[in-house]
Amino acid sequence: MRKIAILISLMVLVLIICGCGSNAGKETKVNSTETISPVNYGNGVYYFAATQAAFGNSLSKFIANHSNLTLISIADDSTDQPYGVNCGYFVVFR
């Protein structure tokens, strides 16, 4: 009985180790000048489907073109993504 418990424990340990792979190196590098147009959900809520430099450049360009708006909040969108990976940002302006 003890051998079975040890065997099951080792199998679980192997599954945990295999499932904890790193996402490092899997990131897609973007052109630092790439920008996207955000989706306007109304009431000051916008969605930027970009990350890394593309998000930064797009947000900067958007703020420059909409100087009448004040940035209130930014939240990442990790819908259907592995832990620690996002696919865009929701940005709220007033």
PDB file of N, CA and C in Angstrom:
ATOM      1  N   MET A   1       0.824  -1.191   0.000  1.00  0.00           N
ATOM      2  CA  MET A   1       0.000   0.000   0.000  1.00  0.00           C
ATOM      3  C   MET A   1       0.872   1.260   0.000  1.00  0.00           C
ATOM      4  N   ARG A   2       1.977   1.207   0.743  1.00  0.00           N
ATOM      5  CA  ARG A   2       2.875   2.341   0.820  1.00  0.00           C
ATOM      6  C   ARG A   2       3.546   2.597  -0.526  1.00  0.00           C
ATOM      7  N   LYS A   3       3.876   1.553  -1.256  1.00  0.00           N
ATOM      8  CA  LYS A   3       4.496   1.695  -2.581  1.00  0.00           C
ATOM      9  C   LYS A   3       3.542   2.381  -3.551  1.00  0.00           C
ATOM     10  N   ILE A   4       2.277   2.064  -3.450  1.00  0.00           N
ATOM     11  CA  ILE A   4       1.278   2.681  -4.341  1.00  0.00           C
ATOM     12  C   ILE A   4       1.164   4.180  -4.031  1.00  0.00           C
ATOM     13  N   ALA A   5       1.159   4.523  -2.756  1.00  0.00           N
ATOM     14  CA  ALA A   5       1.073   5.929  -2.370  1.00  0.00           C
ATOM     15  C   ALA A   5       2.288   6.703  -2.867  1.00  0.00           C
ATOM     16  N   ILE A   6       3.478   6.113  -2.754  1.00  0.00           N
ATOM     17  CA  ILE A   6       4.694   6.757  -3.238  1.00  0.00           C
ATOM     18  C   ILE A   6       4.648   6.910  -4.758  1.00  0.00           C
ATOM     19  N   LEU A   7       4.188   5.884  -5.453  1.00  0.00           N
ATOM     20  CA  LEU A   7       4.086   5.925  -6.912  1.00  0.00           C
ATOM     21  C   LEU A   7       3.113   7.010  -7.355  1.00  0.00           C
ATOM     22  N   ILE A   8       1.971   7.100  -6.707  1.00  0.00           N
ATOM     23  CA  ILE A   8       0.985   8.132  -7.047  1.00  0.00           C
ATOM     24  C   ILE A   8       1.556   9.521  -6.760  1.00  0.00           C
ATOM     25  N   SER A   9       2.251   9.665  -5.637  1.00  0.00           N
ATOM     26  CA  SER A   9       2.862  10.957  -5.301  1.00  0.00           C
ATOM     27  C   SER A   9       3.879  11.376  -6.349  1.00  0.00           C
ATOM     28  N   LEU A  10       4.694  10.452  -6.810  1.00  0.00           N
ATOM     29  CA  LEU A  10       5.681  10.762  -7.841  1.00  0.00           C
ATOM     30  C   LEU A  10       5.018  11.131  -9.165  1.00  0.00           C
ATOM     31  N   MET A  11       3.942  10.436  -9.511  1.00  0.00           N
ATOM     32  CA  MET A  11       3.236  10.747 -10.760  1.00  0.00           C
ATOM     33  C   MET A  11       2.635  12.156 -10.693  1.00  0.00           C
ATOM     34  N   VAL A  12       2.057  12.508  -9.547  1.00  0.00           N
ATOM     35  CA  VAL A  12       1.486  13.841  -9.379  1.00  0.00           C
ATOM     36  C   VAL A  12       2.588  14.894  -9.462  1.00  0.00           C
ATOM     37  N   LEU A  13       3.731  14.629  -8.832  1.00  0.00           N
ATOM     38  CA  LEU A  13       4.857  15.556  -8.875  1.00  0.00           C
ATOM     39  C   LEU A  13       5.348  15.783 -10.307  1.00  0.00           C
ATOM     40  N   VAL A  14       5.427  14.720 -11.093  1.00  0.00           N
ATOM     41  CA  VAL A  14       5.850  14.832 -12.492  1.00  0.00           C
ATOM     42  C   VAL A  14       4.846  15.678 -13.282  1.00  0.00           C
ATOM     43  N   LEU A  15       3.562  15.462 -13.062  1.00  0.00           N
ATOM     44  CA  LEU A  15       2.540  16.254 -13.759  1.00  0.00           C
ATOM     45  C   LEU A  15       2.628  17.727 -13.382  1.00  0.00           C
ATOM     46  N   ILE A  16       2.875  18.004 -12.109  1.00  0.00           N
ATOM     47  CA  ILE A  16       2.996  19.400 -11.676  1.00  0.00           C
ATOM     48  C   ILE A  16       4.205  20.066 -12.326  1.00  0.00           C
ATOM     49  N   ILE A  17       5.322  19.373 -12.346  1.00  0.00           N
ATOM     50  CA  ILE A  17       6.538  19.932 -12.947  1.00  0.00           C
ATOM     51  C   ILE A  17       6.347  20.171 -14.442  1.00  0.00           C
ATOM     52  N   CYS A  18       5.721  19.246 -15.131  1.00  0.00           N
ATOM     53  CA  CYS A  18       5.495  19.405 -16.568  1.00  0.00           C
ATOM     54  C   CYS A  18       4.510  20.528 -16.868  1.00  0.00           C
ATOM     55  N   GLY A  19       3.550  20.747 -15.992  1.00  0.00           N
ATOM     56  CA  GLY A  19       2.530  21.763 -16.212  1.00  0.00           C
ATOM     57  C   GLY A  19       2.979  23.162 -15.870  1.00  0.00           C
ATOM     58  N   CYS A  20       4.108  23.310 -15.232  1.00  0.00           N
ATOM     59  CA  CYS A  20       4.585  24.624 -14.810  1.00  0.00           C
ATOM     60  C   CYS A  20       5.659  25.156 -15.749  1.00  0.00           C
ATOM     61  N   GLY A  21       5.477  24.956 -17.029  1.00  0.00           N
ATOM     62  CA  GLY A  21       6.458  25.451 -17.999  1.00  0.00           C
ATOM     63  C   GLY A  21       6.454  26.957 -18.057  1.00  0.00           C
ATOM     64  N   SER A  22       7.553  27.515 -18.446  1.00  0.00           N
ATOM     65  CA  SER A  22       7.690  28.960 -18.549  1.00  0.00           C
ATOM     66  C   SER A  22       7.229  29.433 -19.918  1.00  0.00           C
ATOM     67  N   ASN A  23       6.605  30.603 -19.951  1.00  0.00           N
ATOM     68  CA  ASN A  23       6.207  31.219 -21.220  1.00  0.00           C
ATOM     69  C   ASN A  23       7.300  32.118 -21.765  1.00  0.00           C
ATOM     70  N   ALA A  24       8.428  32.171 -21.086  1.00  0.00           N
ATOM     71  CA  ALA A  24       9.531  33.012 -21.550  1.00  0.00           C
ATOM     72  C   ALA A  24      10.003  32.537 -22.923  1.00  0.00           C
ATOM     73  N   GLY A  25      10.250  33.456 -23.791  1.00  0.00           N
ATOM     74  CA  GLY A  25      10.700  33.120 -25.136  1.00  0.00           C
ATOM     75  C   GLY A  25       9.559  32.885 -26.106  1.00  0.00           C
ATOM     76  N   LYS A  26       8.332  32.819 -25.617  1.00  0.00           N
ATOM     77  CA  LYS A  26       7.179  32.600 -26.484  1.00  0.00           C
ATOM     78  C   LYS A  26       6.494  33.909 -26.843  1.00  0.00           C
ATOM     79  N   GLU A  27       6.983  35.012 -26.282  1.00  0.00           N
ATOM     80  CA  GLU A  27       6.381  36.303 -26.562  1.00  0.00           C
ATOM     81  C   GLU A  27       6.666  36.721 -27.998  1.00  0.00           C
ATOM     82  N   THR A  28       5.671  37.347 -28.602  1.00  0.00           N
ATOM     83  CA  THR A  28       5.834  37.853 -29.954  1.00  0.00           C
ATOM     84  C   THR A  28       6.400  39.260 -29.872  1.00  0.00           C
ATOM     85  N   LYS A  29       7.491  39.485 -30.516  1.00  0.00           N
ATOM     86  CA  LYS A  29       8.093  40.818 -30.533  1.00  0.00           C
ATOM     87  C   LYS A  29       7.336  41.673 -31.539  1.00  0.00           C
ATOM     88  N   VAL A  30       7.087  42.907 -31.164  1.00  0.00           N
ATOM     89  CA  VAL A  30       6.344  43.808 -32.039  1.00  0.00           C
ATOM     90  C   VAL A  30       7.246  44.933 -32.503  1.00  0.00           C
ATOM     91  N   ASN A  31       6.896  45.467 -33.639  1.00  0.00           N
ATOM     92  CA  ASN A  31       7.593  46.635 -34.160  1.00  0.00           C
ATOM     93  C   ASN A  31       7.323  47.808 -33.231  1.00  0.00           C
ATOM     94  N   SER A  32       8.341  48.513 -32.830  1.00  0.00           N
ATOM     95  CA  SER A  32       8.180  49.582 -31.856  1.00  0.00           C
ATOM     96  C   SER A  32       7.367  50.762 -32.377  1.00  0.00           C
ATOM     97  N   THR A  33       7.119  50.824 -33.664  1.00  0.00           N
ATOM     98  CA  THR A  33       6.325  51.925 -34.211  1.00  0.00           C
ATOM     99  C   THR A  33       4.892  51.498 -34.526  1.00  0.00           C
ATOM    100  N   GLU A  34       4.553  50.248 -34.264  1.00  0.00           N
ATOM    101  CA  GLU A  34       3.211  49.739 -34.561  1.00  0.00           C
ATOM    102  C   GLU A  34       2.179  50.391 -33.637  1.00  0.00           C
ATOM    103  N   THR A  35       1.049  50.818 -34.201  1.00  0.00           N
ATOM    104  CA  THR A  35      -0.054  51.345 -33.406  1.00  0.00           C
ATOM    105  C   THR A  35      -1.353  50.723 -33.889  1.00  0.00           C
ATOM    106  N   ILE A  36      -2.331  50.693 -33.014  1.00  0.00           N
ATOM    107  CA  ILE A  36      -3.653  50.167 -33.361  1.00  0.00           C
ATOM    108  C   ILE A  36      -4.704  51.196 -32.956  1.00  0.00           C
ATOM    109  N   SER A  37      -5.874  51.102 -33.546  1.00  0.00           N
ATOM    110  CA  SER A  37      -6.987  51.967 -33.173  1.00  0.00           C
ATOM    111  C   SER A  37      -7.812  51.250 -32.110  1.00  0.00           C
ATOM    112  N   PRO A  38      -8.111  51.918 -30.996  1.00  0.00           N
ATOM    113  CA  PRO A  38      -8.882  51.259 -29.942  1.00  0.00           C
ATOM    114  C   PRO A  38     -10.354  51.121 -30.313  1.00  0.00           C
ATOM    115  N   VAL A  39     -11.016  50.160 -29.667  1.00  0.00           N
ATOM    116  CA  VAL A  39     -12.461  49.970 -29.814  1.00  0.00           C
ATOM    117  C   VAL A  39     -13.138  50.843 -28.761  1.00  0.00           C
ATOM    118  N   ASN A  40     -14.090  51.672 -29.185  1.00  0.00           N
ATOM    119  CA  ASN A  40     -14.796  52.570 -28.279  1.00  0.00           C
ATOM    120  C   ASN A  40     -16.081  51.891 -27.812  1.00  0.00           C
ATOM    121  N   TYR A  41     -16.151  51.559 -26.516  1.00  0.00           N
ATOM    122  CA  TYR A  41     -17.348  50.946 -25.944  1.00  0.00           C
ATOM    123  C   TYR A  41     -18.327  51.982 -25.405  1.00  0.00           C
ATOM    124  N   GLY A  42     -17.992  53.253 -25.522  1.00  0.00           N
ATOM    125  CA  GLY A  42     -18.853  54.316 -25.017  1.00  0.00           C
ATOM    126  C   GLY A  42     -18.577  54.614 -23.556  1.00  0.00           C
ATOM    127  N   ASN A  43     -19.079  55.732 -23.079  1.00  0.00           N
ATOM    128  CA  ASN A  43     -18.913  56.162 -21.686  1.00  0.00           C
ATOM    129  C   ASN A  43     -17.458  56.219 -21.247  1.00  0.00           C
ATOM    130  N   GLY A  44     -16.553  56.501 -22.162  1.00  0.00           N
ATOM    131  CA  GLY A  44     -15.148  56.643 -21.830  1.00  0.00           C
ATOM    132  C   GLY A  44     -14.365  55.351 -21.743  1.00  0.00           C
ATOM    133  N   VAL A  45     -14.979  54.223 -22.107  1.00  0.00           N
ATOM    134  CA  VAL A  45     -14.305  52.921 -22.045  1.00  0.00           C
ATOM    135  C   VAL A  45     -13.785  52.552 -23.433  1.00  0.00           C
ATOM    136  N   TYR A  46     -12.486  52.288 -23.512  1.00  0.00           N
ATOM    137  CA  TYR A  46     -11.839  51.905 -24.768  1.00  0.00           C
ATOM    138  C   TYR A  46     -11.077  50.603 -24.560  1.00  0.00           C
ATOM    139  N   TYR A  47     -10.960  49.824 -25.635  1.00  0.00           N
ATOM    140  CA  TYR A  47     -10.186  48.578 -25.579  1.00  0.00           C
ATOM    141  C   TYR A  47      -9.056  48.656 -26.605  1.00  0.00           C
ATOM    142  N   PHE A  48      -7.833  48.471 -26.131  1.00  0.00           N
ATOM    143  CA  PHE A  48      -6.656  48.448 -26.990  1.00  0.00           C
ATOM    144  C   PHE A  48      -6.219  46.990 -27.132  1.00  0.00           C
ATOM    145  N   ALA A  49      -6.370  46.419 -28.315  1.00  0.00           N
ATOM    146  CA  ALA A  49      -5.986  45.024 -28.564  1.00  0.00           C
ATOM    147  C   ALA A  49      -4.513  44.955 -28.917  1.00  0.00           C
ATOM    148  N   ALA A  50      -3.680  45.377 -27.967  1.00  0.00           N
ATOM    149  CA  ALA A  50      -2.238  45.407 -28.195  1.00  0.00           C
ATOM    150  C   ALA A  50      -1.532  45.257 -26.855  1.00  0.00           C
ATOM    151  N   THR A  51      -0.291  44.815 -26.906  1.00  0.00           N
ATOM    152  CA  THR A  51       0.536  44.701 -25.707  1.00  0.00           C
ATOM    153  C   THR A  51       1.917  45.274 -26.013  1.00  0.00           C
ATOM    154  N   GLN A  52       2.727  45.364 -25.016  1.00  0.00           N
ATOM    155  CA  GLN A  52       4.111  45.794 -25.124  1.00  0.00           C
ATOM    156  C   GLN A  52       4.223  47.145 -25.828  1.00  0.00           C
ATOM    157  N   ALA A  53       5.144  47.293 -26.738  1.00  0.00           N
ATOM    158  CA  ALA A  53       5.397  48.579 -27.399  1.00  0.00           C
ATOM    159  C   ALA A  53       4.201  49.042 -28.217  1.00  0.00           C
ATOM    160  N   ALA A  54       3.478  48.129 -28.831  1.00  0.00           N
ATOM    161  CA  ALA A  54       2.315  48.527 -29.635  1.00  0.00           C
ATOM    162  C   ALA A  54       1.255  49.189 -28.756  1.00  0.00           C
ATOM    163  N   PHE A  55       1.058  48.671 -27.533  1.00  0.00           N
ATOM    164  CA  PHE A  55       0.100  49.306 -26.618  1.00  0.00           C
ATOM    165  C   PHE A  55       0.593  50.684 -26.196  1.00  0.00           C
ATOM    166  N   GLY A  56       1.843  50.765 -25.802  1.00  0.00           N
ATOM    167  CA  GLY A  56       2.392  52.048 -25.374  1.00  0.00           C
ATOM    168  C   GLY A  56       2.303  53.103 -26.462  1.00  0.00           C
ATOM    169  N   ASN A  57       2.673  52.732 -27.672  1.00  0.00           N
ATOM    170  CA  ASN A  57       2.612  53.679 -28.795  1.00  0.00           C
ATOM    171  C   ASN A  57       1.175  54.061 -29.124  1.00  0.00           C
ATOM    172  N   SER A  58       0.276  53.089 -29.092  1.00  0.00           N
ATOM    173  CA  SER A  58      -1.132  53.360 -29.407  1.00  0.00           C
ATOM    174  C   SER A  58      -1.762  54.259 -28.358  1.00  0.00           C
ATOM    175  N   LEU A  59      -1.481  53.989 -27.088  1.00  0.00           N
ATOM    176  CA  LEU A  59      -2.037  54.817 -26.017  1.00  0.00           C
ATOM    177  C   LEU A  59      -1.480  56.235 -26.092  1.00  0.00           C
ATOM    178  N   SER A  60      -0.200  56.359 -26.340  1.00  0.00           N
ATOM    179  CA  SER A  60       0.417  57.683 -26.455  1.00  0.00           C
ATOM    180  C   SER A  60      -0.202  58.485 -27.592  1.00  0.00           C
ATOM    181  N   LYS A  61      -0.373  57.846 -28.739  1.00  0.00           N
ATOM    182  CA  LYS A  61      -0.972  58.514 -29.898  1.00  0.00           C
ATOM    183  C   LYS A  61      -2.424  58.903 -29.602  1.00  0.00           C
ATOM    184  N   PHE A  62      -3.168  58.003 -28.944  1.00  0.00           N
ATOM    185  CA  PHE A  62      -4.561  58.275 -28.612  1.00  0.00           C
ATOM    186  C   PHE A  62      -4.670  59.474 -27.668  1.00  0.00           C
ATOM    187  N   ILE A  63      -3.827  59.507 -26.638  1.00  0.00           N
ATOM    188  CA  ILE A  63      -3.854  60.621 -25.687  1.00  0.00           C
ATOM    189  C   ILE A  63      -3.483  61.934 -26.375  1.00  0.00           C
ATOM    190  N   ALA A  64      -2.499  61.894 -27.276  1.00  0.00           N
ATOM    191  CA  ALA A  64      -2.115  63.106 -28.004  1.00  0.00           C
ATOM    192  C   ALA A  64      -3.261  63.618 -28.869  1.00  0.00           C
ATOM    193  N   ASN A  65      -4.051  62.722 -29.436  1.00  0.00           N
ATOM    194  CA  ASN A  65      -5.165  63.112 -30.308  1.00  0.00           C
ATOM    195  C   ASN A  65      -6.438  63.441 -29.535  1.00  0.00           C
ATOM    196  N   HIS A  66      -6.490  63.127 -28.244  1.00  0.00           N
ATOM    197  CA  HIS A  66      -7.687  63.365 -27.425  1.00  0.00           C
ATOM    198  C   HIS A  66      -7.277  64.053 -26.125  1.00  0.00           C
ATOM    199  N   SER A  67      -6.685  65.227 -26.238  1.00  0.00           N
ATOM    200  CA  SER A  67      -6.155  65.932 -25.069  1.00  0.00           C
ATOM    201  C   SER A  67      -7.252  66.358 -24.095  1.00  0.00           C
ATOM    202  N   ASN A  68      -8.505  66.329 -24.517  1.00  0.00           N
ATOM    203  CA  ASN A  68      -9.615  66.697 -23.644  1.00  0.00           C
ATOM    204  C   ASN A  68      -9.982  65.573 -22.666  1.00  0.00           C
ATOM    205  N   LEU A  69      -9.454  64.364 -22.858  1.00  0.00           N
ATOM    206  CA  LEU A  69      -9.771  63.237 -21.981  1.00  0.00           C
ATOM    207  C   LEU A  69      -8.715  63.090 -20.887  1.00  0.00           C
ATOM    208  N   THR A  70      -9.154  62.601 -19.721  1.00  0.00           N
ATOM    209  CA  THR A  70      -8.260  62.324 -18.599  1.00  0.00           C
ATOM    210  C   THR A  70      -8.258  60.822 -18.339  1.00  0.00           C
ATOM    211  N   LEU A  71      -7.083  60.234 -18.281  1.00  0.00           N
ATOM    212  CA  LEU A  71      -6.956  58.803 -18.025  1.00  0.00           C
ATOM    213  C   LEU A  71      -7.358  58.507 -16.585  1.00  0.00           C
ATOM    214  N   ILE A  72      -8.283  57.555 -16.408  1.00  0.00           N
ATOM    215  CA  ILE A  72      -8.770  57.183 -15.083  1.00  0.00           C
ATOM    216  C   ILE A  72      -8.216  55.840 -14.636  1.00  0.00           C
ATOM    217  N   SER A  73      -8.260  54.831 -15.526  1.00  0.00           N
ATOM    218  CA  SER A  73      -7.872  53.476 -15.121  1.00  0.00           C
ATOM    219  C   SER A  73      -7.457  52.641 -16.322  1.00  0.00           C
ATOM    220  N   ILE A  74      -6.562  51.671 -16.065  1.00  0.00           N
ATOM    221  CA  ILE A  74      -6.151  50.691 -17.084  1.00  0.00           C
ATOM    222  C   ILE A  74      -6.251  49.312 -16.459  1.00  0.00           C
ATOM    223  N   ALA A  75      -6.862  48.372 -17.184  1.00  0.00           N
ATOM    224  CA  ALA A  75      -6.967  46.987 -16.718  1.00  0.00           C
ATOM    225  C   ALA A  75      -6.584  46.055 -17.856  1.00  0.00           C
ATOM    226  N   ASP A  76      -5.762  45.058 -17.545  1.00  0.00           N
ATOM    227  CA  ASP A  76      -5.350  44.129 -18.599  1.00  0.00           C
ATOM    228  C   ASP A  76      -6.449  43.127 -18.902  1.00  0.00           C
ATOM    229  N   ASP A  77      -6.428  42.609 -20.109  1.00  0.00           N
ATOM    230  CA  ASP A  77      -7.378  41.594 -20.570  1.00  0.00           C
ATOM    231  C   ASP A  77      -6.617  40.291 -20.753  1.00  0.00           C
ATOM    232  N   SER A  78      -6.875  39.343 -19.880  1.00  0.00           N
ATOM    233  CA  SER A  78      -6.213  38.046 -19.983  1.00  0.00           C
ATOM    234  C   SER A  78      -7.216  36.938 -20.270  1.00  0.00           C
ATOM    235  N   THR A  79      -8.318  37.292 -20.917  1.00  0.00           N
ATOM    236  CA  THR A  79      -9.355  36.325 -21.253  1.00  0.00           C
ATOM    237  C   THR A  79      -8.787  35.196 -22.097  1.00  0.00           C
ATOM    238  N   ASP A  80      -9.006  33.957 -21.664  1.00  0.00           N
ATOM    239  CA  ASP A  80      -8.559  32.747 -22.373  1.00  0.00           C
ATOM    240  C   ASP A  80      -7.052  32.690 -22.569  1.00  0.00           C
ATOM    241  N   GLN A  81      -6.292  33.335 -21.699  1.00  0.00           N
ATOM    242  CA  GLN A  81      -4.833  33.339 -21.791  1.00  0.00           C
ATOM    243  C   GLN A  81      -4.254  32.612 -20.582  1.00  0.00           C
ATOM    244  N   PRO A  82      -3.065  32.050 -20.721  1.00  0.00           N
ATOM    245  CA  PRO A  82      -2.409  31.448 -19.556  1.00  0.00           C
ATOM    246  C   PRO A  82      -2.082  32.518 -18.514  1.00  0.00           C
ATOM    247  N   TYR A  83      -1.858  32.092 -17.292  1.00  0.00           N
ATOM    248  CA  TYR A  83      -1.524  33.009 -16.216  1.00  0.00           C
ATOM    249  C   TYR A  83      -0.329  33.888 -16.594  1.00  0.00           C
ATOM    250  N   GLY A  84      -0.483  35.191 -16.393  1.00  0.00           N
ATOM    251  CA  GLY A  84       0.602  36.123 -16.665  1.00  0.00           C
ATOM    252  C   GLY A  84       0.680  36.629 -18.092  1.00  0.00           C
ATOM    253  N   VAL A  85      -0.229  36.202 -18.951  1.00  0.00           N
ATOM    254  CA  VAL A  85      -0.226  36.625 -20.356  1.00  0.00           C
ATOM    255  C   VAL A  85      -1.495  37.426 -20.610  1.00  0.00           C
ATOM    256  N   ASN A  86      -1.363  38.564 -21.248  1.00  0.00           N
ATOM    257  CA  ASN A  86      -2.558  39.317 -21.604  1.00  0.00           C
ATOM    258  C   ASN A  86      -2.603  39.571 -23.095  1.00  0.00           C
ATOM    259  N   CYS A  87      -3.779  39.977 -23.573  1.00  0.00           N
ATOM    260  CA  CYS A  87      -3.941  40.183 -25.014  1.00  0.00           C
ATOM    261  C   CYS A  87      -4.396  41.601 -25.335  1.00  0.00           C
ATOM    262  N   GLY A  88      -4.479  42.438 -24.344  1.00  0.00           N
ATOM    263  CA  GLY A  88      -4.892  43.821 -24.574  1.00  0.00           C
ATOM    264  C   GLY A  88      -5.208  44.511 -23.264  1.00  0.00           C
ATOM    265  N   TYR A  89      -5.707  45.735 -23.377  1.00  0.00           N
ATOM    266  CA  TYR A  89      -6.016  46.530 -22.180  1.00  0.00           C
ATOM    267  C   TYR A  89      -7.318  47.284 -22.362  1.00  0.00           C
ATOM    268  N   PHE A  90      -8.116  47.325 -21.295  1.00  0.00           N
ATOM    269  CA  PHE A  90      -9.264  48.213 -21.209  1.00  0.00           C
ATOM    270  C   PHE A  90      -8.776  49.492 -20.549  1.00  0.00           C
ATOM    271  N   VAL A  91      -9.102  50.624 -21.154  1.00  0.00           N
ATOM    272  CA  VAL A  91      -8.656  51.915 -20.631  1.00  0.00           C
ATOM    273  C   VAL A  91      -9.890  52.799 -20.469  1.00  0.00           C
ATOM    274  N   VAL A  92      -9.997  53.420 -19.297  1.00  0.00           N
ATOM    275  CA  VAL A  92     -11.137  54.275 -19.006  1.00  0.00           C
ATOM    276  C   VAL A  92     -10.665  55.726 -18.916  1.00  0.00           C
ATOM    277  N   PHE A  93     -11.354  56.583 -19.650  1.00  0.00           N
ATOM    278  CA  PHE A  93     -11.078  58.028 -19.652  1.00  0.00           C
ATOM    279  C   PHE A  93     -12.296  58.783 -19.148  1.00  0.00           C
ATOM    280  N   ARG A  94     -12.042  60.007 -18.678  1.00  0.00           N
ATOM    281  CA  ARG A  94     -13.148  60.898 -18.316  1.00  0.00           C
ATOM    282  C   ARG A  94     -13.014  62.140 -19.160  1.00  0.00           C
TER     283      ARG A  94
END
